[in-house]
Amino acid sequence: MDKGYEGQYGYPPPQGYPPPQGYPPPQGYPPPQGYPPPQGYPPPQGYPPPQEYPPQAYPPQQAPQVVYAEAPRNDDADCCQGMCAALAVCCCLDMLC
């Protein structure tokens, strides 16, 4: 009792899987966008024309005169002793702290 088209258990024989679908062809990357062309530096600006300077305080033929003066002499030694005494007191106070 061979029915021919039925399988072993009365079902039709298994159908084969459909052939696998291939992956779609890879999409190419877009063409690279080039960098914009380099911008050149602006042309150098020249120096501005010299301006008229204000007249100098002294004419060229008359230079300022330098006068040296001596400081008044103080022969009084009390000032020095007073400063030394004040310094000594400060040093003593620093040692106590």
PDB file of N, CA and C in Angstrom:
ATOM      1  N   MET A   1       0.812  -1.175   0.000  1.00  0.00           N
ATOM      2  CA  MET A   1       0.000   0.000   0.000  1.00  0.00           C
ATOM      3  C   MET A   1       0.863   1.248   0.000  1.00  0.00           C
ATOM      4  N   ASP A   2       1.524   1.362  -0.998  1.00  0.00           N
ATOM      5  CA  ASP A   2       2.400   2.523  -1.111  1.00  0.00           C
ATOM      6  C   ASP A   2       1.650   3.602  -1.847  1.00  0.00           C
ATOM      7  N   LYS A   3       1.460   4.709  -1.187  1.00  0.00           N
ATOM      8  CA  LYS A   3       0.706   5.790  -1.816  1.00  0.00           C
ATOM      9  C   LYS A   3       1.628   6.714  -2.608  1.00  0.00           C
ATOM     10  N   GLY A   4       2.872   6.615  -2.436  1.00  0.00           N
ATOM     11  CA  GLY A   4       3.811   7.345  -3.264  1.00  0.00           C
ATOM     12  C   GLY A   4       4.141   8.725  -2.755  1.00  0.00           C
ATOM     13  N   TYR A   5       3.189   9.559  -2.627  1.00  0.00           N
ATOM     14  CA  TYR A   5       3.496  10.943  -2.261  1.00  0.00           C
ATOM     15  C   TYR A   5       3.454  11.158  -0.772  1.00  0.00           C
ATOM     16  N   GLU A   6       2.878  10.250  -0.019  1.00  0.00           N
ATOM     17  CA  GLU A   6       2.812  10.446   1.418  1.00  0.00           C
ATOM     18  C   GLU A   6       4.090   9.955   2.048  1.00  0.00           C
ATOM     19  N   GLY A   7       4.415  10.535   3.165  1.00  0.00           N
ATOM     20  CA  GLY A   7       5.619  10.152   3.881  1.00  0.00           C
ATOM     21  C   GLY A   7       5.378   8.928   4.724  1.00  0.00           C
ATOM     22  N   GLN A   8       6.265   8.694   5.646  1.00  0.00           N
ATOM     23  CA  GLN A   8       6.222   7.495   6.454  1.00  0.00           C
ATOM     24  C   GLN A   8       5.009   7.475   7.369  1.00  0.00           C
ATOM     25  N   TYR A   9       4.572   8.625   7.851  1.00  0.00           N
ATOM     26  CA  TYR A   9       3.466   8.687   8.814  1.00  0.00           C
ATOM     27  C   TYR A   9       2.199   9.238   8.190  1.00  0.00           C
ATOM     28  N   GLY A  10       2.068   9.247   6.947  1.00  0.00           N
ATOM     29  CA  GLY A  10       0.866   9.703   6.313  1.00  0.00           C
ATOM     30  C   GLY A  10       0.896  11.168   5.930  1.00  0.00           C
ATOM     31  N   TYR A  11       1.982  11.820   6.223  1.00  0.00           N
ATOM     32  CA  TYR A  11       2.106  13.227   5.833  1.00  0.00           C
ATOM     33  C   TYR A  11       2.915  13.313   4.559  1.00  0.00           C
ATOM     34  N   PRO A  12       2.744  14.349   3.821  1.00  0.00           N
ATOM     35  CA  PRO A  12       3.574  14.459   2.618  1.00  0.00           C
ATOM     36  C   PRO A  12       5.044  14.605   3.016  1.00  0.00           C
ATOM     37  N   PRO A  13       5.951  14.192   2.183  1.00  0.00           N
ATOM     38  CA  PRO A  13       7.370  14.323   2.531  1.00  0.00           C
ATOM     39  C   PRO A  13       7.730  15.799   2.748  1.00  0.00           C
ATOM     40  N   PRO A  14       8.707  16.046   3.623  1.00  0.00           N
ATOM     41  CA  PRO A  14       9.054  17.454   3.913  1.00  0.00           C
ATOM     42  C   PRO A  14       9.577  18.160   2.674  1.00  0.00           C
ATOM     43  N   GLN A  15       9.161  19.371   2.586  1.00  0.00           N
ATOM     44  CA  GLN A  15       9.637  20.194   1.473  1.00  0.00           C
ATOM     45  C   GLN A  15      10.987  20.793   1.876  1.00  0.00           C
ATOM     46  N   GLY A  16      11.837  20.977   0.953  1.00  0.00           N
ATOM     47  CA  GLY A  16      13.134  21.581   1.253  1.00  0.00           C
ATOM     48  C   GLY A  16      12.982  23.060   1.597  1.00  0.00           C
ATOM     49  N   TYR A  17      13.908  23.517   2.362  1.00  0.00           N
ATOM     50  CA  TYR A  17      13.886  24.947   2.686  1.00  0.00           C
ATOM     51  C   TYR A  17      14.114  25.738   1.413  1.00  0.00           C
ATOM     52  N   PRO A  18      13.543  26.914   1.338  1.00  0.00           N
ATOM     53  CA  PRO A  18      13.824  27.711   0.132  1.00  0.00           C
ATOM     54  C   PRO A  18      15.301  28.102   0.126  1.00  0.00           C
ATOM     55  N   PRO A  19      15.835  28.313  -1.022  1.00  0.00           N
ATOM     56  CA  PRO A  19      17.263  28.683  -1.053  1.00  0.00           C
ATOM     57  C   PRO A  19      17.473  29.987  -0.272  1.00  0.00           C
ATOM     58  N   PRO A  20      18.568  30.061   0.459  1.00  0.00           N
ATOM     59  CA  PRO A  20      18.785  31.267   1.285  1.00  0.00           C
ATOM     60  C   PRO A  20      18.888  32.515   0.422  1.00  0.00           C
ATOM     61  N   GLN A  21      18.292  33.548   0.946  1.00  0.00           N
ATOM     62  CA  GLN A  21      18.379  34.828   0.241  1.00  0.00           C
ATOM     63  C   GLN A  21      19.729  35.462   0.601  1.00  0.00           C
ATOM     64  N   GLY A  22      20.427  35.867  -0.380  1.00  0.00           N
ATOM     65  CA  GLY A  22      21.719  36.496  -0.117  1.00  0.00           C
ATOM     66  C   GLY A  22      21.543  37.877   0.498  1.00  0.00           C
ATOM     67  N   TYR A  23      22.573  38.330   1.138  1.00  0.00           N
ATOM     68  CA  TYR A  23      22.542  39.689   1.680  1.00  0.00           C
ATOM     69  C   TYR A  23      22.480  40.666   0.520  1.00  0.00           C
ATOM     70  N   PRO A  24      21.847  41.796   0.741  1.00  0.00           N
ATOM     71  CA  PRO A  24      21.842  42.771  -0.359  1.00  0.00           C
ATOM     72  C   PRO A  24      23.264  43.252  -0.621  1.00  0.00           C
ATOM     73  N   PRO A  25      23.537  43.646  -1.820  1.00  0.00           N
ATOM     74  CA  PRO A  25      24.911  44.107  -2.098  1.00  0.00           C
ATOM     75  C   PRO A  25      25.243  45.302  -1.199  1.00  0.00           C
ATOM     76  N   PRO A  26      26.477  45.385  -0.736  1.00  0.00           N
ATOM     77  CA  PRO A  26      26.829  46.476   0.186  1.00  0.00           C
ATOM     78  C   PRO A  26      26.653  47.835  -0.472  1.00  0.00           C
ATOM     79  N   GLN A  27      26.142  48.734   0.322  1.00  0.00           N
ATOM     80  CA  GLN A  27      25.979  50.103  -0.181  1.00  0.00           C
ATOM     81  C   GLN A  27      27.328  50.805  -0.040  1.00  0.00           C
ATOM     82  N   GLY A  28      27.762  51.411  -1.067  1.00  0.00           N
ATOM     83  CA  GLY A  28      29.039  52.110  -0.998  1.00  0.00           C
ATOM     84  C   GLY A  28      28.936  53.358  -0.134  1.00  0.00           C
ATOM     85  N   TYR A  29      30.026  53.729   0.440  1.00  0.00           N
ATOM     86  CA  TYR A  29      30.057  54.975   1.211  1.00  0.00           C
ATOM     87  C   TYR A  29      29.898  56.144   0.249  1.00  0.00           C
ATOM     88  N   PRO A  30      29.329  57.239   0.735  1.00  0.00           N
ATOM     89  CA  PRO A  30      29.226  58.391  -0.172  1.00  0.00           C
ATOM     90  C   PRO A  30      30.625  58.903  -0.505  1.00  0.00           C
ATOM     91  N   PRO A  31      30.776  59.539  -1.614  1.00  0.00           N
ATOM     92  CA  PRO A  31      32.122  60.037  -1.960  1.00  0.00           C
ATOM     93  C   PRO A  31      32.595  61.012  -0.889  1.00  0.00           C
ATOM     94  N   PRO A  32      33.873  60.971  -0.559  1.00  0.00           N
ATOM     95  CA  PRO A  32      34.360  61.837   0.523  1.00  0.00           C
ATOM     96  C   PRO A  32      34.190  63.310   0.172  1.00  0.00           C
ATOM     97  N   GLN A  33      33.764  64.038   1.161  1.00  0.00           N
ATOM     98  CA  GLN A  33      33.638  65.486   0.972  1.00  0.00           C
ATOM     99  C   GLN A  33      35.011  66.085   1.249  1.00  0.00           C
ATOM    100  N   GLY A  34      35.574  66.712   0.311  1.00  0.00           N
ATOM    101  CA  GLY A  34      36.895  67.295   0.511  1.00  0.00           C
ATOM    102  C   GLY A  34      36.835  68.469   1.469  1.00  0.00           C
ATOM    103  N   TYR A  35      37.932  68.722   2.113  1.00  0.00           N
ATOM    104  CA  TYR A  35      38.008  69.896   2.974  1.00  0.00           C
ATOM    105  C   TYR A  35      37.896  71.140   2.096  1.00  0.00           C
ATOM    106  N   PRO A  36      37.357  72.209   2.645  1.00  0.00           N
ATOM    107  CA  PRO A  36      37.311  73.421   1.817  1.00  0.00           C
ATOM    108  C   PRO A  36      38.733  73.889   1.525  1.00  0.00           C
ATOM    109  N   PRO A  37      38.938  74.541   0.436  1.00  0.00           N
ATOM    110  CA  PRO A  37      40.307  74.985   0.129  1.00  0.00           C
ATOM    111  C   PRO A  37      40.798  75.923   1.223  1.00  0.00           C
ATOM    112  N   PRO A  38      42.079  75.850   1.557  1.00  0.00           N
ATOM    113  CA  PRO A  38      42.586  76.693   2.647  1.00  0.00           C
ATOM    114  C   PRO A  38      42.442  78.170   2.313  1.00  0.00           C
ATOM    115  N   GLN A  39      42.054  78.895   3.312  1.00  0.00           N
ATOM    116  CA  GLN A  39      41.916  80.340   3.123  1.00  0.00           C
ATOM    117  C   GLN A  39      43.289  80.980   3.342  1.00  0.00           C
ATOM    118  N   GLY A  40      43.673  81.811   2.457  1.00  0.00           N
ATOM    119  CA  GLY A  40      44.963  82.474   2.599  1.00  0.00           C
ATOM    120  C   GLY A  40      44.917  83.523   3.697  1.00  0.00           C
ATOM    121  N   TYR A  41      46.052  83.834   4.205  1.00  0.00           N
ATOM    122  CA  TYR A  41      46.135  84.893   5.209  1.00  0.00           C
ATOM    123  C   TYR A  41      45.821  86.227   4.533  1.00  0.00           C
ATOM    124  N   PRO A  42      45.237  87.149   5.276  1.00  0.00           N
ATOM    125  CA  PRO A  42      44.986  88.451   4.645  1.00  0.00           C
ATOM    126  C   PRO A  42      46.312  89.128   4.316  1.00  0.00           C
ATOM    127  N   PRO A  43      46.329  89.953   3.323  1.00  0.00           N
ATOM    128  CA  PRO A  43      47.602  90.607   2.979  1.00  0.00           C
ATOM    129  C   PRO A  43      48.072  91.460   4.150  1.00  0.00           C
ATOM    130  N   PRO A  44      49.361  91.502   4.381  1.00  0.00           N
ATOM    131  CA  PRO A  44      49.857  92.271   5.531  1.00  0.00           C
ATOM    132  C   PRO A  44      49.535  93.751   5.376  1.00  0.00           C
ATOM    133  N   GLN A  45      49.132  94.308   6.471  1.00  0.00           N
ATOM    134  CA  GLN A  45      48.833  95.741   6.464  1.00  0.00           C
ATOM    135  C   GLN A  45      50.130  96.500   6.748  1.00  0.00           C
ATOM    136  N   GLY A  46      50.354  97.506   6.005  1.00  0.00           N
ATOM    137  CA  GLY A  46      51.554  98.305   6.221  1.00  0.00           C
ATOM    138  C   GLY A  46      51.451  99.114   7.502  1.00  0.00           C
ATOM    139  N   TYR A  47      52.550  99.586   7.952  1.00  0.00           N
ATOM    140  CA  TYR A  47      52.549 100.436   9.139  1.00  0.00           C
ATOM    141  C   TYR A  47      51.830 101.743   8.812  1.00  0.00           C
ATOM    142  N   PRO A  48      51.111 102.283   9.782  1.00  0.00           N
ATOM    143  CA  PRO A  48      50.458 103.563   9.496  1.00  0.00           C
ATOM    144  C   PRO A  48      51.513 104.653   9.303  1.00  0.00           C
ATOM    145  N   PRO A  49      51.180 105.678   8.591  1.00  0.00           N
ATOM    146  CA  PRO A  49      52.174 106.746   8.389  1.00  0.00           C
ATOM    147  C   PRO A  49      52.531 107.374   9.736  1.00  0.00           C
ATOM    148  N   PRO A  50      53.765 107.765   9.893  1.00  0.00           N
ATOM    149  CA  PRO A  50      54.171 108.343  11.185  1.00  0.00           C
ATOM    150  C   PRO A  50      53.369 109.605  11.483  1.00  0.00           C
ATOM    151  N   GLN A  51      52.982 109.701  12.740  1.00  0.00           N
ATOM    152  CA  GLN A  51      52.217 110.877  13.130  1.00  0.00           C
ATOM    153  C   GLN A  51      53.169 111.962  13.614  1.00  0.00           C
ATOM    154  N   GLU A  52      52.661 113.135  13.571  1.00  0.00           N
ATOM    155  CA  GLU A  52      53.459 114.254  14.066  1.00  0.00           C
ATOM    156  C   GLU A  52      53.515 114.172  15.584  1.00  0.00           C
ATOM    157  N   TYR A  53      54.703 114.067  16.108  1.00  0.00           N
ATOM    158  CA  TYR A  53      54.857 114.019  17.556  1.00  0.00           C
ATOM    159  C   TYR A  53      54.737 115.428  18.117  1.00  0.00           C
ATOM    160  N   PRO A  54      54.266 115.542  19.366  1.00  0.00           N
ATOM    161  CA  PRO A  54      54.191 116.888  19.951  1.00  0.00           C
ATOM    162  C   PRO A  54      55.595 117.470  20.101  1.00  0.00           C
ATOM    163  N   PRO A  55      55.699 118.753  20.090  1.00  0.00           N
ATOM    164  CA  PRO A  55      57.039 119.355  20.215  1.00  0.00           C
ATOM    165  C   PRO A  55      57.681 118.940  21.536  1.00  0.00           C
ATOM    166  N   GLN A  56      58.979 118.743  21.494  1.00  0.00           N
ATOM    167  CA  GLN A  56      59.681 118.299  22.694  1.00  0.00           C
ATOM    168  C   GLN A  56      59.734 119.428  23.712  1.00  0.00           C
ATOM    169  N   ALA A  57      59.882 119.021  24.978  1.00  0.00           N
ATOM    170  CA  ALA A  57      59.887 120.015  26.054  1.00  0.00           C
ATOM    171  C   ALA A  57      61.097 120.937  25.952  1.00  0.00           C
ATOM    172  N   TYR A  58      62.197 120.404  25.452  1.00  0.00           N
ATOM    173  CA  TYR A  58      63.403 121.224  25.353  1.00  0.00           C
ATOM    174  C   TYR A  58      63.810 121.307  23.895  1.00  0.00           C
ATOM    175  N   PRO A  59      64.240 122.432  23.471  1.00  0.00           N
ATOM    176  CA  PRO A  59      64.787 122.499  22.115  1.00  0.00           C
ATOM    177  C   PRO A  59      66.046 121.626  22.038  1.00  0.00           C
ATOM    178  N   PRO A  60      66.392 121.143  20.879  1.00  0.00           N
ATOM    179  CA  PRO A  60      67.550 120.245  20.778  1.00  0.00           C
ATOM    180  C   PRO A  60      68.841 120.854  21.310  1.00  0.00           C
ATOM    181  N   GLN A  61      69.021 122.139  21.175  1.00  0.00           N
ATOM    182  CA  GLN A  61      70.287 122.727  21.615  1.00  0.00           C
ATOM    183  C   GLN A  61      70.330 122.980  23.115  1.00  0.00           C
ATOM    184  N   GLN A  62      69.222 122.858  23.803  1.00  0.00           N
ATOM    185  CA  GLN A  62      69.218 123.131  25.242  1.00  0.00           C
ATOM    186  C   GLN A  62      68.764 121.868  25.968  1.00  0.00           C
ATOM    187  N   ALA A  63      69.716 121.138  26.519  1.00  0.00           N
ATOM    188  CA  ALA A  63      69.401 119.909  27.244  1.00  0.00           C
ATOM    189  C   ALA A  63      69.080 120.257  28.690  1.00  0.00           C
ATOM    190  N   PRO A  64      68.302 119.421  29.377  1.00  0.00           N
ATOM    191  CA  PRO A  64      68.016 119.699  30.785  1.00  0.00           C
ATOM    192  C   PRO A  64      69.284 119.604  31.622  1.00  0.00           C
ATOM    193  N   GLN A  65      69.357 120.424  32.601  1.00  0.00           N
ATOM    194  CA  GLN A  65      70.542 120.459  33.462  1.00  0.00           C
ATOM    195  C   GLN A  65      70.279 119.607  34.696  1.00  0.00           C
ATOM    196  N   VAL A  66      71.250 118.798  35.052  1.00  0.00           N
ATOM    197  CA  VAL A  66      71.142 117.956  36.235  1.00  0.00           C
ATOM    198  C   VAL A  66      71.907 118.633  37.352  1.00  0.00           C
ATOM    199  N   VAL A  67      71.242 118.829  38.467  1.00  0.00           N
ATOM    200  CA  VAL A  67      71.877 119.484  39.614  1.00  0.00           C
ATOM    201  C   VAL A  67      71.941 118.468  40.744  1.00  0.00           C
ATOM    202  N   TYR A  68      73.152 118.251  41.262  1.00  0.00           N
ATOM    203  CA  TYR A  68      73.326 117.341  42.392  1.00  0.00           C
ATOM    204  C   TYR A  68      73.347 118.157  43.673  1.00  0.00           C
ATOM    205  N   ALA A  69      72.645 117.670  44.660  1.00  0.00           N
ATOM    206  CA  ALA A  69      72.624 118.357  45.955  1.00  0.00           C
ATOM    207  C   ALA A  69      72.973 117.342  47.029  1.00  0.00           C
ATOM    208  N   GLU A  70      73.655 117.795  48.047  1.00  0.00           N
ATOM    209  CA  GLU A  70      74.022 116.901  49.141  1.00  0.00           C
ATOM    210  C   GLU A  70      72.926 116.897  50.185  1.00  0.00           C
ATOM    211  N   ALA A  71      72.717 115.735  50.766  1.00  0.00           N
ATOM    212  CA  ALA A  71      71.745 115.643  51.842  1.00  0.00           C
ATOM    213  C   ALA A  71      72.330 116.291  53.088  1.00  0.00           C
ATOM    214  N   PRO A  72      71.509 116.922  53.885  1.00  0.00           N
ATOM    215  CA  PRO A  72      72.049 117.547  55.100  1.00  0.00           C
ATOM    216  C   PRO A  72      72.610 116.483  56.036  1.00  0.00           C
ATOM    217  N   ARG A  73      73.753 116.795  56.607  1.00  0.00           N
ATOM    218  CA  ARG A  73      74.396 115.846  57.510  1.00  0.00           C
ATOM    219  C   ARG A  73      73.765 115.938  58.883  1.00  0.00           C
ATOM    220  N   ASN A  74      73.578 114.775  59.476  1.00  0.00           N
ATOM    221  CA  ASN A  74      73.037 114.736  60.830  1.00  0.00           C
ATOM    222  C   ASN A  74      74.082 114.043  61.692  1.00  0.00           C
ATOM    223  N   ASP A  75      74.785 114.829  62.444  1.00  0.00           N
ATOM    224  CA  ASP A  75      75.824 114.266  63.303  1.00  0.00           C
ATOM    225  C   ASP A  75      75.256 113.767  64.622  1.00  0.00           C
ATOM    226  N   ASP A  76      73.970 113.874  64.797  1.00  0.00           N
ATOM    227  CA  ASP A  76      73.355 113.473  66.055  1.00  0.00           C
ATOM    228  C   ASP A  76      73.262 111.944  66.066  1.00  0.00           C
ATOM    229  N   ALA A  77      73.910 111.291  66.998  1.00  0.00           N
ATOM    230  CA  ALA A  77      73.934 109.838  67.078  1.00  0.00           C
ATOM    231  C   ALA A  77      72.717 109.297  67.811  1.00  0.00           C
ATOM    232  N   ASP A  78      71.896 110.157  68.380  1.00  0.00           N
ATOM    233  CA  ASP A  78      70.732 109.676  69.124  1.00  0.00           C
ATOM    234  C   ASP A  78      69.756 108.936  68.209  1.00  0.00           C
ATOM    235  N   CYS A  79      69.673 109.379  66.983  1.00  0.00           N
ATOM    236  CA  CYS A  79      68.737 108.745  66.054  1.00  0.00           C
ATOM    237  C   CYS A  79      69.133 107.293  65.845  1.00  0.00           C
ATOM    238  N   CYS A  80      70.420 107.068  65.611  1.00  0.00           N
ATOM    239  CA  CYS A  80      70.882 105.703  65.366  1.00  0.00           C
ATOM    240  C   CYS A  80      70.681 104.848  66.609  1.00  0.00           C
ATOM    241  N   GLN A  81      70.996 105.393  67.738  1.00  0.00           N
ATOM    242  CA  GLN A  81      70.827 104.611  68.968  1.00  0.00           C
ATOM    243  C   GLN A  81      69.351 104.313  69.204  1.00  0.00           C
ATOM    244  N   GLY A  82      68.519 105.268  68.909  1.00  0.00           N
ATOM    245  CA  GLY A  82      67.093 105.036  69.092  1.00  0.00           C
ATOM    246  C   GLY A  82      66.587 103.923  68.185  1.00  0.00           C
ATOM    247  N   MET A  83      67.073 103.905  66.949  1.00  0.00           N
ATOM    248  CA  MET A  83      66.648 102.857  66.023  1.00  0.00           C
ATOM    249  C   MET A  83      67.188 101.507  66.465  1.00  0.00           C
ATOM    250  N   CYS A  84      68.438 101.480  66.943  1.00  0.00           N
ATOM    251  CA  CYS A  84      69.019 100.216  67.392  1.00  0.00           C
ATOM    252  C   CYS A  84      68.262  99.697  68.609  1.00  0.00           C
ATOM    253  N   ALA A  85      67.881 100.585  69.494  1.00  0.00           N
ATOM    254  CA  ALA A  85      67.146 100.166  70.685  1.00  0.00           C
ATOM    255  C   ALA A  85      65.781  99.605  70.289  1.00  0.00           C
ATOM    256  N   ALA A  86      65.122 100.245  69.344  1.00  0.00           N
ATOM    257  CA  ALA A  86      63.816  99.763  68.911  1.00  0.00           C
ATOM    258  C   ALA A  86      63.950  98.396  68.240  1.00  0.00           C
ATOM    259  N   LEU A  87      65.009  98.229  67.462  1.00  0.00           N
ATOM    260  CA  LEU A  87      65.234  96.947  66.804  1.00  0.00           C
ATOM    261  C   LEU A  87      65.517  95.859  67.828  1.00  0.00           C
ATOM    262  N   ALA A  88      66.296  96.190  68.851  1.00  0.00           N
ATOM    263  CA  ALA A  88      66.620  95.210  69.887  1.00  0.00           C
ATOM    264  C   ALA A  88      65.359  94.790  70.630  1.00  0.00           C
ATOM    265  N   VAL A  89      64.463  95.732  70.894  1.00  0.00           N
ATOM    266  CA  VAL A  89      63.225  95.396  71.592  1.00  0.00           C
ATOM    267  C   VAL A  89      62.385  94.457  70.729  1.00  0.00           C
ATOM    268  N   CYS A  90      62.323  94.717  69.441  1.00  0.00           N
ATOM    269  CA  CYS A  90      61.544  93.852  68.549  1.00  0.00           C
ATOM    270  C   CYS A  90      62.123  92.443  68.533  1.00  0.00           C
ATOM    271  N   CYS A  91      63.461  92.325  68.487  1.00  0.00           N
ATOM    272  CA  CYS A  91      64.086  91.004  68.458  1.00  0.00           C
ATOM    273  C   CYS A  91      63.802  90.261  69.754  1.00  0.00           C
ATOM    274  N   CYS A  92      63.860  90.970  70.887  1.00  0.00           N
ATOM    275  CA  CYS A  92      63.595  90.316  72.172  1.00  0.00           C
ATOM    276  C   CYS A  92      62.153  89.837  72.236  1.00  0.00           C
ATOM    277  N   LEU A  93      61.234  90.636  71.722  1.00  0.00           N
ATOM    278  CA  LEU A  93      59.831  90.227  71.743  1.00  0.00           C
ATOM    279  C   LEU A  93      59.607  89.012  70.846  1.00  0.00           C
ATOM    280  N   ASP A  94      60.320  88.956  69.724  1.00  0.00           N
ATOM    281  CA  ASP A  94      60.173  87.808  68.832  1.00  0.00           C
ATOM    282  C   ASP A  94      60.664  86.533  69.495  1.00  0.00           C
ATOM    283  N   MET A  95      61.736  86.631  70.301  1.00  0.00           N
ATOM    284  CA  MET A  95      62.267  85.437  70.967  1.00  0.00           C
ATOM    285  C   MET A  95      61.300  84.928  72.025  1.00  0.00           C
ATOM    286  N   LEU A  96      60.554  85.821  72.642  1.00  0.00           N
ATOM    287  CA  LEU A  96      59.630  85.407  73.695  1.00  0.00           C
ATOM    288  C   LEU A  96      58.420  84.680  73.116  1.00  0.00           C
ATOM    289  N   CYS A  97      58.056  84.986  71.910  1.00  0.00           N
ATOM    290  CA  CYS A  97      56.853  84.369  71.317  1.00  0.00           C
ATOM    291  C   CYS A  97      57.119  82.965  70.846  1.00  0.00           C
TER     292      CYS A  97
END
